[in-house]
Amino acid sequence: VEEALGEGWEEVRWAEMSDERVRRLAEGVCAFEVEVDGKGAFKEEFVTAGGIALDTVNMKRMESKFVPGLFFAGEILNYDGVTGGFNFQGAWTTGYLAGQAMGEPMVASESST
């Protein structure tokens, strides 16, 4: 991150970041490589419980009840399922709901023009 954003990046707020710094960050994240050399033993592939309490989230929109415009999806939420794809489905479903809700202002502005 420091290579992409330069020294002192920890002190810069997102809203104050220049377009050039955001571009360099995006390029760095996209270029980041992780080598995977296998998987863990059976029953080690579980998610960990904990995260954003579900009663603080509008579950139809995946939006914070306390911070309008802040959306959550996937394992940041406090839920976990048994193995067999349930956590994947939870991530896909909550991601879809959050994405739809975040896109509503764009759809509304397009239909009003």
C-alpha atoms as a PDB file:
ATOM      1  CA  VAL A   1       0.000   0.000   0.000  1.00  0.00           C
ATOM      2  CA  GLU A   2       2.764   2.421   0.904  1.00  0.00           C
ATOM      3  CA  GLU A   3       4.448   1.775  -2.436  1.00  0.00           C
ATOM      4  CA  ALA A   4       1.239   2.685  -4.279  1.00  0.00           C
ATOM      5  CA  LEU A   5       0.134   5.604  -2.095  1.00  0.00           C
ATOM      6  CA  GLY A   6       3.383   6.981  -0.782  1.00  0.00           C
ATOM      7  CA  GLU A   7       4.611   7.721   2.691  1.00  0.00           C
ATOM      8  CA  GLY A   8       2.046   8.887   5.237  1.00  0.00           C
ATOM      9  CA  TRP A   9      -0.870   7.111   3.564  1.00  0.00           C
ATOM     10  CA  GLU A  10      -2.241   6.009   6.952  1.00  0.00           C
ATOM     11  CA  GLU A  11      -3.070   9.616   7.815  1.00  0.00           C
ATOM     12  CA  VAL A  12      -5.042  10.383   4.636  1.00  0.00           C
ATOM     13  CA  ARG A  13      -8.829  10.167   4.830  1.00  0.00           C
ATOM     14  CA  TRP A  14     -10.550   8.519   1.858  1.00  0.00           C
ATOM     15  CA  ALA A  15     -12.543  11.672   1.048  1.00  0.00           C
ATOM     16  CA  GLU A  16      -9.302  13.682   0.887  1.00  0.00           C
ATOM     17  CA  MET A  17      -7.478  11.254  -1.389  1.00  0.00           C
ATOM     18  CA  SER A  18      -6.603  12.583  -4.822  1.00  0.00           C
ATOM     19  CA  ASP A  19      -7.874  10.825  -7.947  1.00  0.00           C
ATOM     20  CA  GLU A  20      -4.278   9.839  -8.718  1.00  0.00           C
ATOM     21  CA  ARG A  21      -3.843   8.176  -5.307  1.00  0.00           C
ATOM     22  CA  VAL A  22      -7.145   6.316  -5.696  1.00  0.00           C
ATOM     23  CA  ARG A  23      -6.039   5.131  -9.152  1.00  0.00           C
ATOM     24  CA  ARG A  24      -2.676   3.922  -7.788  1.00  0.00           C
ATOM     25  CA  LEU A  25      -4.418   2.131  -4.918  1.00  0.00           C
ATOM     26  CA  ALA A  26      -6.837   0.399  -7.315  1.00  0.00           C
ATOM     27  CA  GLU A  27      -3.948  -0.656  -9.556  1.00  0.00           C
ATOM     28  CA  GLY A  28      -2.026  -1.994  -6.558  1.00  0.00           C
ATOM     29  CA  VAL A  29      -4.995  -3.983  -5.259  1.00  0.00           C
ATOM     30  CA  CYS A  30      -5.703  -5.429  -8.714  1.00  0.00           C
ATOM     31  CA  ALA A  31      -2.036  -6.366  -9.223  1.00  0.00           C
ATOM     32  CA  PHE A  32      -1.674  -7.997  -5.781  1.00  0.00           C
ATOM     33  CA  GLU A  33      -0.953 -11.713  -6.089  1.00  0.00           C
ATOM     34  CA  VAL A  34      -1.442 -14.425  -3.501  1.00  0.00           C
ATOM     35  CA  GLU A  35      -0.084 -17.911  -4.006  1.00  0.00           C
ATOM     36  CA  VAL A  36      -2.456 -20.679  -2.952  1.00  0.00           C
ATOM     37  CA  ASP A  37      -0.786 -24.022  -2.446  1.00  0.00           C
ATOM     38  CA  GLY A  38      -3.673 -26.142  -1.216  1.00  0.00           C
ATOM     39  CA  LYS A  39      -6.484 -26.145   1.277  1.00  0.00           C
ATOM     40  CA  GLY A  40      -6.806 -26.985   4.923  1.00  0.00           C
ATOM     41  CA  ALA A  41      -7.889 -30.297   6.343  1.00  0.00           C
ATOM     42  CA  PHE A  42     -11.599 -31.109   6.342  1.00  0.00           C
ATOM     43  CA  LYS A  43     -13.604 -29.045   8.817  1.00  0.00           C
ATOM     44  CA  GLU A  44     -11.041 -26.214   8.852  1.00  0.00           C
ATOM     45  CA  GLU A  45     -12.816 -24.285   6.081  1.00  0.00           C
ATOM     46  CA  PHE A  46     -15.402 -22.632   8.294  1.00  0.00           C
ATOM     47  CA  VAL A  47     -16.094 -18.955   8.684  1.00  0.00           C
ATOM     48  CA  THR A  48     -15.728 -17.355  12.063  1.00  0.00           C
ATOM     49  CA  ALA A  49     -18.772 -16.027  13.857  1.00  0.00           C
ATOM     50  CA  GLY A  50     -18.986 -12.381  14.796  1.00  0.00           C
ATOM     51  CA  GLY A  51     -19.342  -9.169  12.891  1.00  0.00           C
ATOM     52  CA  ILE A  52     -22.019  -6.556  12.345  1.00  0.00           C
ATOM     53  CA  ALA A  53     -25.091  -7.389  14.435  1.00  0.00           C
ATOM     54  CA  LEU A  54     -27.984  -8.281  12.149  1.00  0.00           C
ATOM     55  CA  ASP A  55     -30.479  -6.216  14.152  1.00  0.00           C
ATOM     56  CA  THR A  56     -28.504  -3.080  13.189  1.00  0.00           C
ATOM     57  CA  VAL A  57     -28.961  -3.766   9.462  1.00  0.00           C
ATOM     58  CA  ASN A  58     -31.989  -3.261   7.202  1.00  0.00           C
ATOM     59  CA  MET A  59     -31.961  -6.822   5.835  1.00  0.00           C
ATOM     60  CA  LYS A  60     -33.962  -5.939   2.702  1.00  0.00           C
ATOM     61  CA  ARG A  61     -31.315  -3.407   1.625  1.00  0.00           C
ATOM     62  CA  MET A  62     -28.302  -4.540   3.695  1.00  0.00           C
ATOM     63  CA  GLU A  63     -27.996  -0.919   4.823  1.00  0.00           C
ATOM     64  CA  SER A  64     -26.938   0.253   8.267  1.00  0.00           C
ATOM     65  CA  LYS A  65     -29.839   1.448  10.380  1.00  0.00           C
ATOM     66  CA  PHE A  66     -27.489   4.006  11.943  1.00  0.00           C
ATOM     67  CA  VAL A  67     -25.454   5.278   8.976  1.00  0.00           C
ATOM     68  CA  PRO A  68     -27.529   5.823   5.808  1.00  0.00           C
ATOM     69  CA  GLY A  69     -25.584   4.868   2.691  1.00  0.00           C
ATOM     70  CA  LEU A  70     -23.386   2.325   4.511  1.00  0.00           C
ATOM     71  CA  PHE A  71     -24.026  -1.173   3.184  1.00  0.00           C
ATOM     72  CA  PHE A  72     -22.804  -4.602   4.329  1.00  0.00           C
ATOM     73  CA  ALA A  73     -22.510  -7.988   2.667  1.00  0.00           C
ATOM     74  CA  GLY A  74     -21.040 -11.401   3.311  1.00  0.00           C
ATOM     75  CA  GLU A  75     -18.898 -12.399   6.231  1.00  0.00           C
ATOM     76  CA  ILE A  76     -18.709  -8.917   7.746  1.00  0.00           C
ATOM     77  CA  LEU A  77     -22.195  -9.734   9.064  1.00  0.00           C
ATOM     78  CA  ASN A  78     -22.715 -11.795  12.203  1.00  0.00           C
ATOM     79  CA  TYR A  79     -23.988 -15.019  10.687  1.00  0.00           C
ATOM     80  CA  ASP A  80     -22.467 -18.335   9.808  1.00  0.00           C
ATOM     81  CA  GLY A  81     -23.825 -21.439   8.170  1.00  0.00           C
ATOM     82  CA  VAL A  82     -22.846 -25.046   8.019  1.00  0.00           C
ATOM     83  CA  THR A  83     -20.401 -26.203   5.388  1.00  0.00           C
ATOM     84  CA  GLY A  84     -21.729 -26.969   1.945  1.00  0.00           C
ATOM     85  CA  GLY A  85     -22.036 -23.585   0.309  1.00  0.00           C
ATOM     86  CA  PHE A  86     -24.381 -21.848   2.742  1.00  0.00           C
ATOM     87  CA  ASN A  87     -21.868 -19.100   3.499  1.00  0.00           C
ATOM     88  CA  PHE A  88     -21.224 -18.585  -0.223  1.00  0.00           C
ATOM     89  CA  GLN A  89     -24.958 -18.232  -0.773  1.00  0.00           C
ATOM     90  CA  GLY A  90     -25.186 -15.767   2.093  1.00  0.00           C
ATOM     91  CA  ALA A  91     -22.390 -13.688   0.585  1.00  0.00           C
ATOM     92  CA  TRP A  92     -23.926 -13.754  -2.903  1.00  0.00           C
ATOM     93  CA  THR A  93     -27.422 -12.907  -1.645  1.00  0.00           C
ATOM     94  CA  THR A  94     -26.406 -10.096   0.691  1.00  0.00           C
ATOM     95  CA  GLY A  95     -24.047  -8.725  -1.990  1.00  0.00           C
ATOM     96  CA  TYR A  96     -26.886  -8.727  -4.511  1.00  0.00           C
ATOM     97  CA  LEU A  97     -29.269  -6.964  -2.110  1.00  0.00           C
ATOM     98  CA  ALA A  98     -26.663  -4.346  -1.170  1.00  0.00           C
ATOM     99  CA  GLY A  99     -25.757  -3.773  -4.819  1.00  0.00           C
ATOM    100  CA  GLN A 100     -29.378  -3.332  -5.831  1.00  0.00           C
ATOM    101  CA  ALA A 101     -29.941  -0.834  -3.018  1.00  0.00           C
ATOM    102  CA  MET A 102     -26.771   1.110  -3.851  1.00  0.00           C
ATOM    103  CA  GLY A 103     -27.846   1.311  -7.502  1.00  0.00           C
ATOM    104  CA  GLU A 104     -31.306   2.713  -6.740  1.00  0.00           C
ATOM    105  CA  PRO A 105     -30.206   6.396  -6.896  1.00  0.00           C
ATOM    106  CA  MET A 106     -28.666   5.845 -10.349  1.00  0.00           C
ATOM    107  CA  VAL A 107     -31.769   4.097 -11.669  1.00  0.00           C
ATOM    108  CA  ALA A 108     -33.961   6.875 -10.263  1.00  0.00           C
ATOM    109  CA  SER A 109     -31.828   9.608 -11.868  1.00  0.00           C
ATOM    110  CA  GLU A 110     -31.831   7.822 -15.248  1.00  0.00           C
ATOM    111  CA  SER A 111     -35.609   7.453 -15.242  1.00  0.00           C
ATOM    112  CA  SER A 112     -36.127  11.127 -14.389  1.00  0.00           C
ATOM    113  CA  THR A 113     -34.166  12.345 -17.412  1.00  0.00           C
END
